[in-house]
N, C-alpha and C. Protein backbone atom coordinates (compact mmCIF):
# COMPACT_ATOMS: atom_id res chain seq x y z
N MET A 1 0.83 -1.18 0.00
CA MET A 1 0.00 0.00 0.00
C MET A 1 0.88 1.25 0.00
N THR A 2 0.40 2.27 -0.63
CA THR A 2 1.13 3.53 -0.73
C THR A 2 0.97 4.33 0.56
N PRO A 3 2.09 4.78 1.14
CA PRO A 3 1.98 5.57 2.38
C PRO A 3 1.50 7.00 2.08
N TYR A 4 0.82 7.56 3.05
CA TYR A 4 0.42 8.97 3.02
C TYR A 4 1.49 9.72 3.80
N PHE A 5 2.31 10.49 3.10
CA PHE A 5 3.37 11.25 3.77
C PHE A 5 2.75 12.51 4.38
N VAL A 6 2.96 12.65 5.70
CA VAL A 6 2.28 13.73 6.43
C VAL A 6 3.22 14.72 7.11
N ALA A 7 4.47 14.33 7.33
CA ALA A 7 5.38 15.21 8.09
C ALA A 7 6.82 14.83 7.82
N GLU A 8 7.69 15.72 8.23
CA GLU A 8 9.14 15.45 8.27
C GLU A 8 9.46 14.95 9.67
N THR A 9 10.46 14.11 9.81
CA THR A 9 10.82 13.61 11.14
C THR A 9 11.16 14.75 12.09
N GLU A 10 11.76 15.81 11.59
CA GLU A 10 12.12 16.95 12.44
C GLU A 10 10.90 17.72 12.94
N ASP A 11 9.73 17.48 12.33
CA ASP A 11 8.50 18.14 12.77
C ASP A 11 7.95 17.57 14.08
N ILE A 12 8.42 16.37 14.44
CA ILE A 12 7.94 15.72 15.66
C ILE A 12 9.15 15.35 16.51
N PRO A 13 9.60 16.27 17.36
CA PRO A 13 10.77 16.00 18.21
C PRO A 13 10.50 14.88 19.22
N VAL A 14 11.58 14.35 19.77
CA VAL A 14 11.47 13.31 20.80
C VAL A 14 10.56 13.79 21.92
N GLY A 15 9.64 12.92 22.32
CA GLY A 15 8.71 13.24 23.40
C GLY A 15 7.47 14.01 22.97
N GLU A 16 7.36 14.29 21.68
CA GLU A 16 6.22 15.06 21.18
C GLU A 16 5.37 14.20 20.25
N HIS A 17 4.21 14.74 19.92
CA HIS A 17 3.33 14.08 18.94
C HIS A 17 2.57 15.14 18.17
N ARG A 18 2.04 14.73 17.04
CA ARG A 18 1.21 15.59 16.21
C ARG A 18 0.04 14.76 15.71
N VAL A 19 -1.06 15.45 15.44
CA VAL A 19 -2.26 14.80 14.92
C VAL A 19 -2.46 15.23 13.48
N PHE A 20 -2.76 14.27 12.62
CA PHE A 20 -2.96 14.53 11.19
C PHE A 20 -4.26 13.90 10.73
N GLU A 21 -4.90 14.54 9.76
CA GLU A 21 -6.04 13.93 9.08
C GLU A 21 -5.47 13.16 7.89
N VAL A 22 -5.72 11.86 7.87
CA VAL A 22 -5.21 11.00 6.81
C VAL A 22 -6.39 10.23 6.23
N ALA A 23 -6.77 10.58 5.02
CA ALA A 23 -7.89 9.91 4.33
C ALA A 23 -9.13 9.86 5.24
N GLY A 24 -9.43 11.00 5.87
CA GLY A 24 -10.63 11.09 6.71
C GLY A 24 -10.49 10.52 8.11
N ARG A 25 -9.29 10.10 8.49
CA ARG A 25 -9.06 9.56 9.84
C ARG A 25 -8.12 10.47 10.61
N SER A 26 -8.42 10.68 11.87
CA SER A 26 -7.55 11.45 12.75
C SER A 26 -6.52 10.48 13.34
N ILE A 27 -5.24 10.74 13.03
CA ILE A 27 -4.17 9.83 13.45
C ILE A 27 -3.09 10.63 14.17
N GLY A 28 -2.71 10.14 15.34
CA GLY A 28 -1.64 10.75 16.11
C GLY A 28 -0.34 10.02 15.86
N ILE A 29 0.72 10.78 15.58
CA ILE A 29 2.05 10.21 15.41
C ILE A 29 2.90 10.69 16.58
N TYR A 30 3.48 9.72 17.29
CA TYR A 30 4.27 9.97 18.50
C TYR A 30 5.73 9.63 18.25
N ASN A 31 6.62 10.46 18.79
CA ASN A 31 8.05 10.18 18.77
C ASN A 31 8.43 9.76 20.19
N VAL A 32 8.63 8.47 20.37
CA VAL A 32 8.98 7.91 21.68
C VAL A 32 10.46 7.54 21.65
N LYS A 33 11.26 8.41 22.23
CA LYS A 33 12.70 8.18 22.34
C LYS A 33 13.35 7.86 20.99
N GLY A 34 12.89 8.55 19.94
CA GLY A 34 13.47 8.40 18.62
C GLY A 34 12.77 7.41 17.71
N ASP A 35 11.79 6.67 18.24
CA ASP A 35 10.99 5.76 17.43
C ASP A 35 9.60 6.35 17.23
N TYR A 36 9.07 6.19 16.04
CA TYR A 36 7.78 6.78 15.71
C TYR A 36 6.68 5.72 15.71
N PHE A 37 5.50 6.12 16.24
CA PHE A 37 4.35 5.23 16.32
C PHE A 37 3.11 6.02 15.93
N ALA A 38 2.18 5.37 15.22
CA ALA A 38 0.96 6.04 14.76
C ALA A 38 -0.26 5.30 15.28
N TYR A 39 -1.21 6.05 15.84
CA TYR A 39 -2.43 5.47 16.40
C TYR A 39 -3.64 6.30 15.99
N LEU A 40 -4.75 5.60 15.83
CA LEU A 40 -6.02 6.27 15.61
C LEU A 40 -6.31 7.14 16.83
N ASN A 41 -6.73 8.35 16.61
CA ASN A 41 -7.00 9.31 17.69
C ASN A 41 -8.36 9.00 18.32
N TYR A 42 -8.44 7.83 18.93
CA TYR A 42 -9.72 7.33 19.46
C TYR A 42 -9.41 6.38 20.61
N CYS A 43 -9.94 6.67 21.78
CA CYS A 43 -9.76 5.78 22.93
C CYS A 43 -10.78 4.65 22.84
N PRO A 44 -10.33 3.39 22.86
CA PRO A 44 -11.26 2.27 22.75
C PRO A 44 -12.18 2.11 23.96
N HIS A 45 -11.91 2.82 25.04
CA HIS A 45 -12.77 2.72 26.22
C HIS A 45 -14.13 3.38 25.95
N GLN A 46 -14.12 4.69 25.63
CA GLN A 46 -15.38 5.37 25.37
C GLN A 46 -15.29 6.44 24.29
N GLY A 47 -14.27 6.34 23.42
CA GLY A 47 -14.23 7.17 22.23
C GLY A 47 -13.65 8.56 22.35
N ALA A 48 -12.95 8.87 23.41
CA ALA A 48 -12.34 10.20 23.54
C ALA A 48 -11.26 10.41 22.49
N GLU A 49 -10.95 11.66 22.21
CA GLU A 49 -9.80 11.99 21.36
C GLU A 49 -8.54 11.73 22.19
N LEU A 50 -8.00 10.56 22.03
CA LEU A 50 -6.89 10.10 22.86
C LEU A 50 -5.68 11.04 22.80
N CYS A 51 -5.41 11.59 21.64
CA CYS A 51 -4.22 12.42 21.46
C CYS A 51 -4.28 13.74 22.23
N ARG A 52 -5.41 14.06 22.82
CA ARG A 52 -5.50 15.24 23.69
C ARG A 52 -4.97 14.93 25.09
N GLY A 53 -4.75 13.65 25.37
CA GLY A 53 -4.25 13.24 26.68
C GLY A 53 -2.75 13.45 26.80
N PRO A 54 -2.26 13.51 28.04
CA PRO A 54 -0.83 13.74 28.25
C PRO A 54 0.02 12.50 27.94
N VAL A 55 1.23 12.76 27.47
CA VAL A 55 2.23 11.71 27.36
C VAL A 55 3.00 11.77 28.66
N CYS A 56 3.12 10.62 29.33
CA CYS A 56 3.66 10.62 30.67
C CYS A 56 4.31 9.27 30.96
N GLY A 57 4.52 8.99 32.21
CA GLY A 57 4.97 7.69 32.69
C GLY A 57 3.83 7.06 33.46
N THR A 58 4.15 6.04 34.25
CA THR A 58 3.11 5.36 35.01
C THR A 58 3.71 4.76 36.27
N SER A 59 2.86 4.32 37.17
CA SER A 59 3.35 3.65 38.37
C SER A 59 3.84 2.25 37.97
N LEU A 60 4.89 1.81 38.62
CA LEU A 60 5.50 0.52 38.35
C LEU A 60 5.22 -0.44 39.50
N PRO A 61 5.27 -1.74 39.23
CA PRO A 61 5.10 -2.70 40.33
C PRO A 61 6.15 -2.41 41.42
N SER A 62 5.70 -2.41 42.66
CA SER A 62 6.61 -2.11 43.75
C SER A 62 6.15 -2.80 45.02
N ASN A 63 6.98 -2.76 46.03
CA ASN A 63 6.66 -3.37 47.32
C ASN A 63 5.63 -2.53 48.07
N VAL A 64 5.03 -3.14 49.07
CA VAL A 64 4.07 -2.44 49.92
C VAL A 64 4.73 -1.21 50.52
N TYR A 65 4.01 -0.11 50.54
CA TYR A 65 4.45 1.18 51.07
C TYR A 65 5.52 1.85 50.20
N GLU A 66 5.79 1.31 49.05
CA GLU A 66 6.70 1.95 48.11
C GLU A 66 5.88 2.44 46.92
N TYR A 67 6.34 3.50 46.33
CA TYR A 67 5.68 4.01 45.14
C TYR A 67 6.77 4.30 44.12
N MET A 68 6.75 3.51 43.04
CA MET A 68 7.76 3.69 42.00
C MET A 68 7.07 4.18 40.73
N TYR A 69 7.69 5.16 40.11
CA TYR A 69 7.17 5.76 38.88
C TYR A 69 8.23 5.61 37.81
N GLY A 70 7.81 5.27 36.59
CA GLY A 70 8.79 5.10 35.53
C GLY A 70 8.14 5.14 34.16
N ARG A 71 8.94 4.78 33.14
CA ARG A 71 8.49 4.73 31.75
C ARG A 71 8.06 6.11 31.24
N GLU A 72 8.68 7.14 31.76
CA GLU A 72 8.36 8.51 31.35
C GLU A 72 8.46 8.65 29.84
N GLY A 73 7.43 9.25 29.24
CA GLY A 73 7.41 9.48 27.81
C GLY A 73 6.95 8.29 26.98
N GLU A 74 6.57 7.19 27.62
CA GLU A 74 6.16 5.97 26.91
C GLU A 74 4.67 5.67 27.03
N ILE A 75 3.94 6.49 27.76
CA ILE A 75 2.54 6.22 28.06
C ILE A 75 1.69 7.42 27.63
N VAL A 76 0.52 7.14 27.05
CA VAL A 76 -0.45 8.21 26.81
C VAL A 76 -1.65 7.92 27.71
N ARG A 77 -2.15 8.97 28.36
CA ARG A 77 -3.28 8.83 29.28
C ARG A 77 -4.50 9.49 28.66
N CYS A 78 -5.59 8.75 28.57
CA CYS A 78 -6.82 9.28 27.99
C CYS A 78 -7.31 10.49 28.81
N PRO A 79 -7.70 11.56 28.12
CA PRO A 79 -8.12 12.76 28.83
C PRO A 79 -9.48 12.64 29.52
N TRP A 80 -10.29 11.64 29.17
CA TRP A 80 -11.60 11.51 29.79
C TRP A 80 -11.58 10.70 31.08
N HIS A 81 -11.05 9.50 31.05
CA HIS A 81 -11.15 8.61 32.20
C HIS A 81 -9.81 8.11 32.72
N GLY A 82 -8.72 8.60 32.14
CA GLY A 82 -7.40 8.27 32.66
C GLY A 82 -6.84 6.92 32.27
N TRP A 83 -7.49 6.22 31.35
CA TRP A 83 -6.92 4.95 30.91
C TRP A 83 -5.55 5.21 30.31
N GLU A 84 -4.60 4.35 30.60
CA GLU A 84 -3.23 4.51 30.11
C GLU A 84 -2.93 3.45 29.05
N PHE A 85 -2.17 3.88 28.03
CA PHE A 85 -1.80 3.00 26.93
C PHE A 85 -0.30 3.11 26.68
N ASP A 86 0.33 1.98 26.43
CA ASP A 86 1.75 1.90 26.10
C ASP A 86 1.93 2.38 24.66
N LEU A 87 2.70 3.43 24.45
CA LEU A 87 2.87 3.98 23.11
C LEU A 87 3.73 3.10 22.20
N LYS A 88 4.48 2.17 22.76
CA LYS A 88 5.28 1.28 21.93
C LYS A 88 4.46 0.12 21.38
N THR A 89 3.47 -0.32 22.14
CA THR A 89 2.69 -1.51 21.73
C THR A 89 1.22 -1.21 21.45
N GLY A 90 0.71 -0.12 22.02
CA GLY A 90 -0.71 0.19 21.90
C GLY A 90 -1.56 -0.51 22.95
N ARG A 91 -0.96 -1.32 23.79
CA ARG A 91 -1.71 -2.06 24.81
C ARG A 91 -2.18 -1.17 25.95
N SER A 92 -3.37 -1.47 26.43
CA SER A 92 -3.91 -0.78 27.59
C SER A 92 -3.21 -1.27 28.84
N LEU A 93 -2.92 -0.36 29.77
CA LEU A 93 -2.39 -0.75 31.07
C LEU A 93 -3.52 -1.05 32.04
N VAL A 94 -4.75 -0.73 31.64
CA VAL A 94 -5.92 -0.97 32.49
C VAL A 94 -6.49 -2.36 32.21
N LYS A 95 -6.68 -2.68 30.94
CA LYS A 95 -7.21 -3.98 30.53
C LYS A 95 -6.33 -4.52 29.42
N GLU A 96 -5.61 -5.59 29.70
CA GLU A 96 -4.58 -6.09 28.79
C GLU A 96 -5.10 -6.45 27.40
N HIS A 97 -6.34 -6.88 27.28
CA HIS A 97 -6.86 -7.29 25.97
C HIS A 97 -7.30 -6.10 25.10
N VAL A 98 -7.31 -4.90 25.66
CA VAL A 98 -7.71 -3.70 24.92
C VAL A 98 -6.46 -3.07 24.32
N ARG A 99 -6.57 -2.69 23.03
CA ARG A 99 -5.43 -2.08 22.34
C ARG A 99 -5.90 -0.90 21.49
N LEU A 100 -4.96 0.00 21.25
CA LEU A 100 -5.21 1.10 20.33
C LEU A 100 -5.09 0.59 18.90
N ARG A 101 -5.74 1.26 17.97
CA ARG A 101 -5.61 0.91 16.55
C ARG A 101 -4.31 1.53 16.05
N LYS A 102 -3.36 0.67 15.71
CA LYS A 102 -2.02 1.10 15.31
C LYS A 102 -1.89 1.03 13.79
N PHE A 103 -1.16 2.00 13.23
CA PHE A 103 -0.90 2.04 11.80
C PHE A 103 0.60 1.92 11.55
N PRO A 104 0.98 1.16 10.52
CA PRO A 104 2.40 1.09 10.17
C PRO A 104 2.88 2.44 9.62
N LEU A 105 4.14 2.72 9.87
CA LEU A 105 4.76 3.94 9.36
C LEU A 105 5.92 3.59 8.43
N VAL A 106 6.16 4.49 7.49
CA VAL A 106 7.31 4.39 6.59
C VAL A 106 8.10 5.68 6.76
N ILE A 107 9.40 5.54 6.98
CA ILE A 107 10.27 6.71 7.06
C ILE A 107 11.18 6.66 5.83
N GLU A 108 11.04 7.65 4.95
CA GLU A 108 11.86 7.73 3.73
C GLU A 108 12.39 9.14 3.56
N ASP A 109 13.70 9.25 3.47
CA ASP A 109 14.33 10.55 3.26
C ASP A 109 13.85 11.60 4.26
N GLY A 110 13.70 11.20 5.51
CA GLY A 110 13.28 12.14 6.55
C GLY A 110 11.80 12.45 6.56
N ARG A 111 11.02 11.76 5.72
CA ARG A 111 9.57 11.99 5.69
C ARG A 111 8.86 10.82 6.37
N ILE A 112 7.77 11.13 7.05
CA ILE A 112 6.99 10.11 7.75
C ILE A 112 5.71 9.85 6.95
N GLY A 113 5.50 8.58 6.62
CA GLY A 113 4.31 8.19 5.89
C GLY A 113 3.49 7.18 6.67
N VAL A 114 2.19 7.36 6.66
CA VAL A 114 1.25 6.45 7.33
C VAL A 114 0.69 5.49 6.29
N VAL A 115 0.69 4.21 6.64
CA VAL A 115 0.12 3.19 5.75
C VAL A 115 -1.23 2.78 6.31
N LEU A 116 -2.27 2.98 5.53
CA LEU A 116 -3.61 2.58 5.95
C LEU A 116 -3.91 1.19 5.44
N LYS A 117 -4.52 0.39 6.28
CA LYS A 117 -4.88 -0.98 5.88
C LYS A 117 -6.34 -1.06 5.60
């Protein structure tokens, strides 16, 4: 399939994201520590515009009375109900079987292209 080129890699710095309309779909492209990921701008929980949520970290498994926080810049939190999703895999941290709709990306000559299936 032919990719829809939407941005230059320099347009989305590390830790940032941008939202693009691609063939009538709102798609967020995230730069997570130098790797790019594209997701439908839709929370599978109740349909919020997911890309309006913060990119952050999350609490990590820890011992009783300890609070560990990590994975900064790898998680997006839904702005409506706080569901968290792993930006590298699209998996929900709330319900493991729930995932974001992920799109393949093509990087050519510094341009980012979204492949729609």
